Amino acid sequence: MAKTVVIHQPDFLPYVGFFHRLLHADLFVILDTVQYARGSSSWQRRDKIKTAQGEAWISIDARRSARDAALNTILLSQDSGWRARHMNMLRHNYASAPYYREIIPHVEELYSYVFERMMDFNLASIHMLMRLFEIEIAEILASVLHPTGKSNELLVDILAKVEATTYLSGIGAKDYYKPESFDKAGIAVTWQNFVHPVYPQLHGAFIPYLSSIDLLFNCGTERSRAILRKECDGA
């Protein structure tokens, strides 16, 4: 039986392209075993929203950890300051958005949850967005599969263990893709075909690749679902 699988880290409040891929798969493997990334290219603990001054980072505070710590071991800072800072930023910058009153209760509920691990908070943010986008997909943590290997070999090991026939990958991974490992395992690789939608935004000219929360505040759940599925003109 054909089975398309997506493997991705549990990022914080991901952008719409993340959810577009879930719409085209049968299983989402949550890659929680990778090393916690601290560099400027990491989306594990932050994403962007739009402000009157342009795009701005919204970042989670995490406790200090070993340099090689796995993502699923990273603990949240228990200082509530970062939570209040997030909520203040979201309220201030989206209060005049057309669907603010519809969306903000979901965000407030998210920030009311108490978690020890950053990964659990991130997954709660993903699940909130999945509910709002009306996306249902089977999930499994990579850690329960006890994966082995690195890079392409790690992905193939995971895919084999979940009996995948097709791996749906984001286009950004093409630079690291080595077909030999997938070919040997009999796993087809397809590349996400995603064109970022343009939709009404506050604060001037359109900015792409923001957190999905920006789309929801500006367009509401019904229209956001249609935009994500390309059933709406997005104008």
C-alpha atoms as a PDB file:
ATOM      1  CA  MET A   1       0.000   0.000   0.000  1.00  0.00           C
ATOM      2  CA  ALA A   2       1.301   3.441  -0.919  1.00  0.00           C
ATOM      3  CA  LYS A   3       2.335   5.577   2.050  1.00  0.00           C
ATOM      4  CA  THR A   4       3.683   9.115   1.800  1.00  0.00           C
ATOM      5  CA  VAL A   5       5.642  10.346   4.801  1.00  0.00           C
ATOM      6  CA  VAL A   6       6.830  13.774   5.934  1.00  0.00           C
ATOM      7  CA  ILE A   7       9.707  14.030   8.420  1.00  0.00           C
ATOM      8  CA  HIS A   8      10.232  17.372  10.098  1.00  0.00           C
ATOM      9  CA  GLN A   9      11.439  18.901  13.335  1.00  0.00           C
ATOM     10  CA  PRO A  10       8.768  20.268  15.692  1.00  0.00           C
ATOM     11  CA  ASP A  11       9.369  23.957  14.966  1.00  0.00           C
ATOM     12  CA  PHE A  12       7.627  26.832  16.752  1.00  0.00           C
ATOM     13  CA  LEU A  13       4.498  28.323  15.097  1.00  0.00           C
ATOM     14  CA  PRO A  14       5.624  27.248  11.593  1.00  0.00           C
ATOM     15  CA  TYR A  15       4.888  29.032   8.329  1.00  0.00           C
ATOM     16  CA  VAL A  16       2.172  27.900   5.922  1.00  0.00           C
ATOM     17  CA  GLY A  17       4.498  25.807   3.755  1.00  0.00           C
ATOM     18  CA  PHE A  18       4.984  23.420   6.669  1.00  0.00           C
ATOM     19  CA  PHE A  19       1.252  22.691   6.763  1.00  0.00           C
ATOM     20  CA  HIS A  20       0.946  22.496   2.973  1.00  0.00           C
ATOM     21  CA  ARG A  21       3.221  19.452   3.076  1.00  0.00           C
ATOM     22  CA  LEU A  22       1.087  17.759   5.735  1.00  0.00           C
ATOM     23  CA  LEU A  23      -1.925  18.051   3.445  1.00  0.00           C
ATOM     24  CA  HIS A  24      -0.153  15.804   0.930  1.00  0.00           C
ATOM     25  CA  ALA A  25       1.060  13.051   3.257  1.00  0.00           C
ATOM     26  CA  ASP A  26      -0.252  10.065   5.218  1.00  0.00           C
ATOM     27  CA  LEU A  27       2.128  10.262   8.188  1.00  0.00           C
ATOM     28  CA  PHE A  28       4.047  13.025   9.945  1.00  0.00           C
ATOM     29  CA  VAL A  29       7.218  11.824  11.684  1.00  0.00           C
ATOM     30  CA  ILE A  30       8.178  14.354  14.336  1.00  0.00           C
ATOM     31  CA  LEU A  31      11.967  14.517  14.214  1.00  0.00           C
ATOM     32  CA  ASP A  32      12.635  15.107  17.900  1.00  0.00           C
ATOM     33  CA  THR A  33      16.025  13.368  18.103  1.00  0.00           C
ATOM     34  CA  VAL A  34      18.134  15.848  16.153  1.00  0.00           C
ATOM     35  CA  GLN A  35      20.615  18.180  17.803  1.00  0.00           C
ATOM     36  CA  TYR A  36      19.205  21.415  19.161  1.00  0.00           C
ATOM     37  CA  ALA A  37      20.178  24.144  16.701  1.00  0.00           C
ATOM     38  CA  ARG A  38      21.338  27.485  18.067  1.00  0.00           C
ATOM     39  CA  GLY A  39      22.311  29.329  14.900  1.00  0.00           C
ATOM     40  CA  SER A  40      20.550  32.105  13.029  1.00  0.00           C
ATOM     41  CA  SER A  41      19.035  29.614  10.560  1.00  0.00           C
ATOM     42  CA  SER A  42      17.174  27.661  13.271  1.00  0.00           C
ATOM     43  CA  TRP A  43      13.391  27.783  13.512  1.00  0.00           C
ATOM     44  CA  GLN A  44      13.151  25.429  16.491  1.00  0.00           C
ATOM     45  CA  ARG A  45      12.585  28.187  19.030  1.00  0.00           C
ATOM     46  CA  ARG A  46      11.430  31.163  16.977  1.00  0.00           C
ATOM     47  CA  ASP A  47       9.460  32.471  14.026  1.00  0.00           C
ATOM     48  CA  LYS A  48       8.504  35.821  12.545  1.00  0.00           C
ATOM     49  CA  ILE A  49       5.432  38.001  12.764  1.00  0.00           C
ATOM     50  CA  LYS A  50       4.662  41.305  11.053  1.00  0.00           C
ATOM     51  CA  THR A  51       4.777  44.663  12.817  1.00  0.00           C
ATOM     52  CA  ALA A  52       4.384  48.278  11.718  1.00  0.00           C
ATOM     53  CA  GLN A  53       8.197  48.331  11.451  1.00  0.00           C
ATOM     54  CA  GLY A  54       8.356  45.173   9.327  1.00  0.00           C
ATOM     55  CA  GLU A  55       9.023  41.564  10.244  1.00  0.00           C
ATOM     56  CA  ALA A  56      10.098  40.769  13.808  1.00  0.00           C
ATOM     57  CA  TRP A  57      11.261  37.637  15.603  1.00  0.00           C
ATOM     58  CA  ILE A  58       9.173  36.049  18.338  1.00  0.00           C
ATOM     59  CA  SER A  59      11.481  33.749  20.317  1.00  0.00           C
ATOM     60  CA  ILE A  60      11.068  31.196  23.091  1.00  0.00           C
ATOM     61  CA  ASP A  61      13.366  31.344  26.112  1.00  0.00           C
ATOM     62  CA  ALA A  62      15.064  28.012  26.785  1.00  0.00           C
ATOM     63  CA  ARG A  63      17.327  26.884  29.600  1.00  0.00           C
ATOM     64  CA  ARG A  64      21.037  26.400  29.067  1.00  0.00           C
ATOM     65  CA  SER A  65      21.968  22.973  27.736  1.00  0.00           C
ATOM     66  CA  ALA A  66      24.955  20.993  26.527  1.00  0.00           C
ATOM     67  CA  ARG A  67      26.237  21.932  23.081  1.00  0.00           C
ATOM     68  CA  ASP A  68      25.228  18.560  21.601  1.00  0.00           C
ATOM     69  CA  ALA A  69      21.871  18.282  23.404  1.00  0.00           C
ATOM     70  CA  ALA A  70      19.010  16.642  21.496  1.00  0.00           C
ATOM     71  CA  LEU A  71      15.978  18.754  20.702  1.00  0.00           C
ATOM     72  CA  ASN A  72      13.712  16.575  22.866  1.00  0.00           C
ATOM     73  CA  THR A  73      15.806  17.347  25.978  1.00  0.00           C
ATOM     74  CA  ILE A  74      15.651  21.160  25.791  1.00  0.00           C
ATOM     75  CA  LEU A  75      13.779  22.683  28.721  1.00  0.00           C
ATOM     76  CA  LEU A  76      11.758  25.873  28.681  1.00  0.00           C
ATOM     77  CA  SER A  77      12.656  28.785  30.868  1.00  0.00           C
ATOM     78  CA  GLN A  78      10.103  28.870  33.667  1.00  0.00           C
ATOM     79  CA  ASP A  79      10.349  32.640  33.861  1.00  0.00           C
ATOM     80  CA  SER A  80       6.964  33.737  32.528  1.00  0.00           C
ATOM     81  CA  GLY A  81       8.443  36.885  31.018  1.00  0.00           C
ATOM     82  CA  TRP A  82       8.846  35.403  27.554  1.00  0.00           C
ATOM     83  CA  ARG A  83       5.212  34.271  27.484  1.00  0.00           C
ATOM     84  CA  ALA A  84       3.991  37.734  28.456  1.00  0.00           C
ATOM     85  CA  ARG A  85       6.325  39.279  25.883  1.00  0.00           C
ATOM     86  CA  HIS A  86       4.910  37.065  23.128  1.00  0.00           C
ATOM     87  CA  MET A  87       1.326  37.865  24.029  1.00  0.00           C
ATOM     88  CA  ASN A  88       2.061  41.595  24.195  1.00  0.00           C
ATOM     89  CA  MET A  89       3.665  41.483  20.743  1.00  0.00           C
ATOM     90  CA  LEU A  90       0.777  39.555  19.231  1.00  0.00           C
ATOM     91  CA  ARG A  91      -1.918  41.713  20.813  1.00  0.00           C
ATOM     92  CA  HIS A  92      -0.185  44.958  19.916  1.00  0.00           C
ATOM     93  CA  ASN A  93       0.551  44.064  16.297  1.00  0.00           C
ATOM     94  CA  TYR A  94      -2.641  42.178  15.396  1.00  0.00           C
ATOM     95  CA  ALA A  95      -5.341  43.919  17.471  1.00  0.00           C
ATOM     96  CA  SER A  96      -6.632  45.686  14.360  1.00  0.00           C
ATOM     97  CA  ALA A  97      -6.508  42.552  12.163  1.00  0.00           C
ATOM     98  CA  PRO A  98      -9.922  41.546  10.743  1.00  0.00           C
ATOM     99  CA  TYR A  99     -10.008  38.191  12.553  1.00  0.00           C
ATOM    100  CA  TYR A 100      -8.192  39.093  15.759  1.00  0.00           C
ATOM    101  CA  ARG A 101     -11.193  38.260  17.976  1.00  0.00           C
ATOM    102  CA  GLU A 102     -11.611  34.872  16.297  1.00  0.00           C
ATOM    103  CA  ILE A 103      -7.984  33.790  16.618  1.00  0.00           C
ATOM    104  CA  ILE A 104      -6.654  35.343  19.822  1.00  0.00           C
ATOM    105  CA  PRO A 105      -8.560  32.974  22.189  1.00  0.00           C
ATOM    106  CA  HIS A 106      -6.721  30.018  20.591  1.00  0.00           C
ATOM    107  CA  VAL A 107      -3.388  31.750  21.104  1.00  0.00           C
ATOM    108  CA  GLU A 108      -4.234  32.608  24.700  1.00  0.00           C
ATOM    109  CA  GLU A 109      -5.116  28.967  25.337  1.00  0.00           C
ATOM    110  CA  LEU A 110      -1.778  27.860  23.853  1.00  0.00           C
ATOM    111  CA  TYR A 111       0.146  30.173  26.165  1.00  0.00           C
ATOM    112  CA  SER A 112      -1.828  29.005  29.186  1.00  0.00           C
ATOM    113  CA  TYR A 113      -0.390  25.479  28.871  1.00  0.00           C
ATOM    114  CA  VAL A 114       2.475  24.587  31.207  1.00  0.00           C
ATOM    115  CA  PHE A 115       5.206  22.436  29.693  1.00  0.00           C
ATOM    116  CA  GLU A 116       8.720  21.586  30.831  1.00  0.00           C
ATOM    117  CA  ARG A 117      10.160  20.826  27.387  1.00  0.00           C
ATOM    118  CA  MET A 118      10.338  23.263  24.508  1.00  0.00           C
ATOM    119  CA  MET A 119       9.412  20.482  22.095  1.00  0.00           C
ATOM    120  CA  ASP A 120       6.061  19.963  23.825  1.00  0.00           C
ATOM    121  CA  PHE A 121       5.221  23.654  23.600  1.00  0.00           C
ATOM    122  CA  ASN A 122       6.207  23.647  19.932  1.00  0.00           C
ATOM    123  CA  LEU A 123       4.017  20.632  19.247  1.00  0.00           C
ATOM    124  CA  ALA A 124       1.122  22.334  21.009  1.00  0.00           C
ATOM    125  CA  SER A 125       1.595  25.314  18.680  1.00  0.00           C
ATOM    126  CA  ILE A 126       1.632  23.008  15.651  1.00  0.00           C
ATOM    127  CA  HIS A 127      -1.471  21.159  16.800  1.00  0.00           C
ATOM    128  CA  MET A 128      -3.291  24.446  17.416  1.00  0.00           C
ATOM    129  CA  LEU A 129      -2.524  25.533  13.864  1.00  0.00           C
ATOM    130  CA  MET A 130      -3.503  22.132  12.472  1.00  0.00           C
ATOM    131  CA  ARG A 131      -6.910  22.425  14.151  1.00  0.00           C
ATOM    132  CA  LEU A 132      -7.418  25.915  12.769  1.00  0.00           C
ATOM    133  CA  PHE A 133      -6.377  24.778   9.282  1.00  0.00           C
ATOM    134  CA  GLU A 134      -8.513  21.621   9.666  1.00  0.00           C
ATOM    135  CA  ILE A 135      -5.624  19.231   9.017  1.00  0.00           C
ATOM    136  CA  GLU A 136      -5.694  15.674  10.315  1.00  0.00           C
ATOM    137  CA  ILE A 137      -2.729  13.358   9.841  1.00  0.00           C
ATOM    138  CA  ALA A 138      -1.277  10.402  11.723  1.00  0.00           C
ATOM    139  CA  GLU A 139       1.841  11.252  13.770  1.00  0.00           C
ATOM    140  CA  ILE A 140       4.727   9.423  15.392  1.00  0.00           C
ATOM    141  CA  LEU A 141       7.790  10.626  17.294  1.00  0.00           C
ATOM    142  CA  ALA A 142      11.071   9.649  15.712  1.00  0.00           C
ATOM    143  CA  SER A 143      12.428   8.858  19.177  1.00  0.00           C
ATOM    144  CA  VAL A 144      10.096   5.865  19.604  1.00  0.00           C
ATOM    145  CA  LEU A 145      11.589   4.388  16.437  1.00  0.00           C
ATOM    146  CA  HIS A 146      15.148   4.530  17.823  1.00  0.00           C
ATOM    147  CA  PRO A 147      16.561   5.787  14.520  1.00  0.00           C
ATOM    148  CA  THR A 148      20.187   5.271  13.533  1.00  0.00           C
ATOM    149  CA  GLY A 149      22.520   6.986  11.091  1.00  0.00           C
ATOM    150  CA  LYS A 150      22.960  10.575  10.027  1.00  0.00           C
ATOM    151  CA  SER A 151      21.605  12.805   7.266  1.00  0.00           C
ATOM    152  CA  ASN A 152      20.148  10.741   4.382  1.00  0.00           C
ATOM    153  CA  GLU A 153      20.809   7.441   6.157  1.00  0.00           C
ATOM    154  CA  LEU A 154      18.850   8.639   9.203  1.00  0.00           C
ATOM    155  CA  LEU A 155      15.871   9.559   7.042  1.00  0.00           C
ATOM    156  CA  VAL A 156      15.942   6.230   5.209  1.00  0.00           C
ATOM    157  CA  ASP A 157      16.116   4.331   8.494  1.00  0.00           C
ATOM    158  CA  ILE A 158      13.034   6.169   9.770  1.00  0.00           C
ATOM    159  CA  LEU A 159      11.170   5.742   6.496  1.00  0.00           C
ATOM    160  CA  ALA A 160      11.873   2.018   6.403  1.00  0.00           C
ATOM    161  CA  LYS A 161      10.654   1.593   9.985  1.00  0.00           C
ATOM    162  CA  VAL A 162       7.316   3.284   9.218  1.00  0.00           C
ATOM    163  CA  GLU A 163       6.998   1.348   5.922  1.00  0.00           C
ATOM    164  CA  ALA A 164       6.988   4.438   3.744  1.00  0.00           C
ATOM    165  CA  THR A 165       6.833   4.116  -0.018  1.00  0.00           C
ATOM    166  CA  THR A 166       7.339   7.831  -0.699  1.00  0.00           C
ATOM    167  CA  TYR A 167       9.201  10.554   1.158  1.00  0.00           C
ATOM    168  CA  LEU A 168       7.802  14.052   0.634  1.00  0.00           C
ATOM    169  CA  SER A 169      10.617  16.508   1.250  1.00  0.00           C
ATOM    170  CA  GLY A 170      10.860  20.259   1.386  1.00  0.00           C
ATOM    171  CA  ILE A 171      12.764  21.812  -1.495  1.00  0.00           C
ATOM    172  CA  GLY A 172      15.418  23.178   0.862  1.00  0.00           C
ATOM    173  CA  ALA A 173      16.781  19.681   1.453  1.00  0.00           C
ATOM    174  CA  LYS A 174      17.837  19.200  -2.193  1.00  0.00           C
ATOM    175  CA  ASP A 175      21.343  20.438  -1.430  1.00  0.00           C
ATOM    176  CA  TYR A 176      21.855  17.514   0.963  1.00  0.00           C
ATOM    177  CA  TYR A 177      19.973  14.862  -0.983  1.00  0.00           C
ATOM    178  CA  LYS A 178      21.819  11.704  -2.027  1.00  0.00           C
ATOM    179  CA  PRO A 179      19.543   9.446  -4.068  1.00  0.00           C
ATOM    180  CA  GLU A 180      21.569   6.257  -3.578  1.00  0.00           C
ATOM    181  CA  SER A 181      20.330   5.632  -0.026  1.00  0.00           C
ATOM    182  CA  PHE A 182      16.671   6.064  -0.973  1.00  0.00           C
ATOM    183  CA  ASP A 183      17.001   4.046  -4.185  1.00  0.00           C
ATOM    184  CA  LYS A 184      18.594   1.146  -2.318  1.00  0.00           C
ATOM    185  CA  ALA A 185      15.690   1.103   0.156  1.00  0.00           C
ATOM    186  CA  GLY A 186      13.083   1.325  -2.618  1.00  0.00           C
ATOM    187  CA  ILE A 187      11.719   4.626  -1.338  1.00  0.00           C
ATOM    188  CA  ALA A 188      10.626   7.248  -3.873  1.00  0.00           C
ATOM    189  CA  VAL A 189      11.416  10.898  -3.135  1.00  0.00           C
ATOM    190  CA  THR A 190       9.103  13.701  -4.200  1.00  0.00           C
ATOM    191  CA  TRP A 191       9.676  17.407  -3.686  1.00  0.00           C
ATOM    192  CA  GLN A 192       7.134  19.776  -2.258  1.00  0.00           C
ATOM    193  CA  ASN A 193       5.585  22.014  -4.889  1.00  0.00           C
ATOM    194  CA  PHE A 194       4.634  25.060  -2.855  1.00  0.00           C
ATOM    195  CA  VAL A 195       4.044  28.591  -4.063  1.00  0.00           C
ATOM    196  CA  HIS A 196       3.665  30.986  -1.160  1.00  0.00           C
ATOM    197  CA  PRO A 197       0.197  32.568  -1.256  1.00  0.00           C
ATOM    198  CA  VAL A 198      -0.227  36.328  -1.219  1.00  0.00           C
ATOM    199  CA  TYR A 199      -3.001  37.461   1.110  1.00  0.00           C
ATOM    200  CA  PRO A 200      -4.122  40.719   2.771  1.00  0.00           C
ATOM    201  CA  GLN A 201      -1.821  41.837   5.566  1.00  0.00           C
ATOM    202  CA  LEU A 202      -1.627  44.731   7.970  1.00  0.00           C
ATOM    203  CA  HIS A 203       1.253  47.208   7.943  1.00  0.00           C
ATOM    204  CA  GLY A 204       2.022  47.802   4.285  1.00  0.00           C
ATOM    205  CA  ALA A 205       3.485  45.644   1.531  1.00  0.00           C
ATOM    206  CA  PHE A 206       3.134  41.871   1.729  1.00  0.00           C
ATOM    207  CA  ILE A 207       5.876  39.924   3.516  1.00  0.00           C
ATOM    208  CA  PRO A 208       6.048  36.140   2.913  1.00  0.00           C
ATOM    209  CA  TYR A 209       7.388  33.343   5.130  1.00  0.00           C
ATOM    210  CA  LEU A 210       5.960  34.606   8.395  1.00  0.00           C
ATOM    211  CA  SER A 211       4.405  32.390  11.044  1.00  0.00           C
ATOM    212  CA  SER A 212       1.063  30.932   9.978  1.00  0.00           C
ATOM    213  CA  ILE A 213      -0.538  32.966  12.742  1.00  0.00           C
ATOM    214  CA  ASP A 214      -0.196  36.009  10.473  1.00  0.00           C
ATOM    215  CA  LEU A 215      -2.404  34.396   7.823  1.00  0.00           C
ATOM    216  CA  LEU A 216      -5.004  33.416  10.406  1.00  0.00           C
ATOM    217  CA  PHE A 217      -5.234  36.841  12.044  1.00  0.00           C
ATOM    218  CA  ASN A 218      -5.640  38.495   8.650  1.00  0.00           C
ATOM    219  CA  CYS A 219      -7.913  35.993   6.908  1.00  0.00           C
ATOM    220  CA  GLY A 220      -9.650  33.903   9.581  1.00  0.00           C
ATOM    221  CA  THR A 221      -9.980  30.133   9.698  1.00  0.00           C
ATOM    222  CA  GLU A 222     -12.318  29.536   6.752  1.00  0.00           C
ATOM    223  CA  ARG A 223     -10.454  31.640   4.227  1.00  0.00           C
ATOM    224  CA  SER A 224      -7.055  30.512   5.541  1.00  0.00           C
ATOM    225  CA  ARG A 225      -8.046  26.890   4.965  1.00  0.00           C
ATOM    226  CA  ALA A 226      -9.028  27.720   1.412  1.00  0.00           C
ATOM    227  CA  ILE A 227      -5.852  29.726   0.761  1.00  0.00           C
ATOM    228  CA  LEU A 228      -3.702  26.890   2.066  1.00  0.00           C
ATOM    229  CA  ARG A 229      -5.511  24.492  -0.246  1.00  0.00           C
ATOM    230  CA  LYS A 230      -5.364  26.958  -3.152  1.00  0.00           C
ATOM    231  CA  GLU A 231      -9.145  27.098  -3.379  1.00  0.00           C
ATOM    232  CA  CYS A 232      -9.186  30.850  -2.866  1.00  0.00           C
ATOM    233  CA  ASP A 233      -7.767  33.646  -4.995  1.00  0.00           C
ATOM    234  CA  GLY A 234      -5.888  35.048  -1.983  1.00  0.00           C
ATOM    235  CA  ALA A 235      -6.565  38.572  -3.131  1.00  0.00           C
END
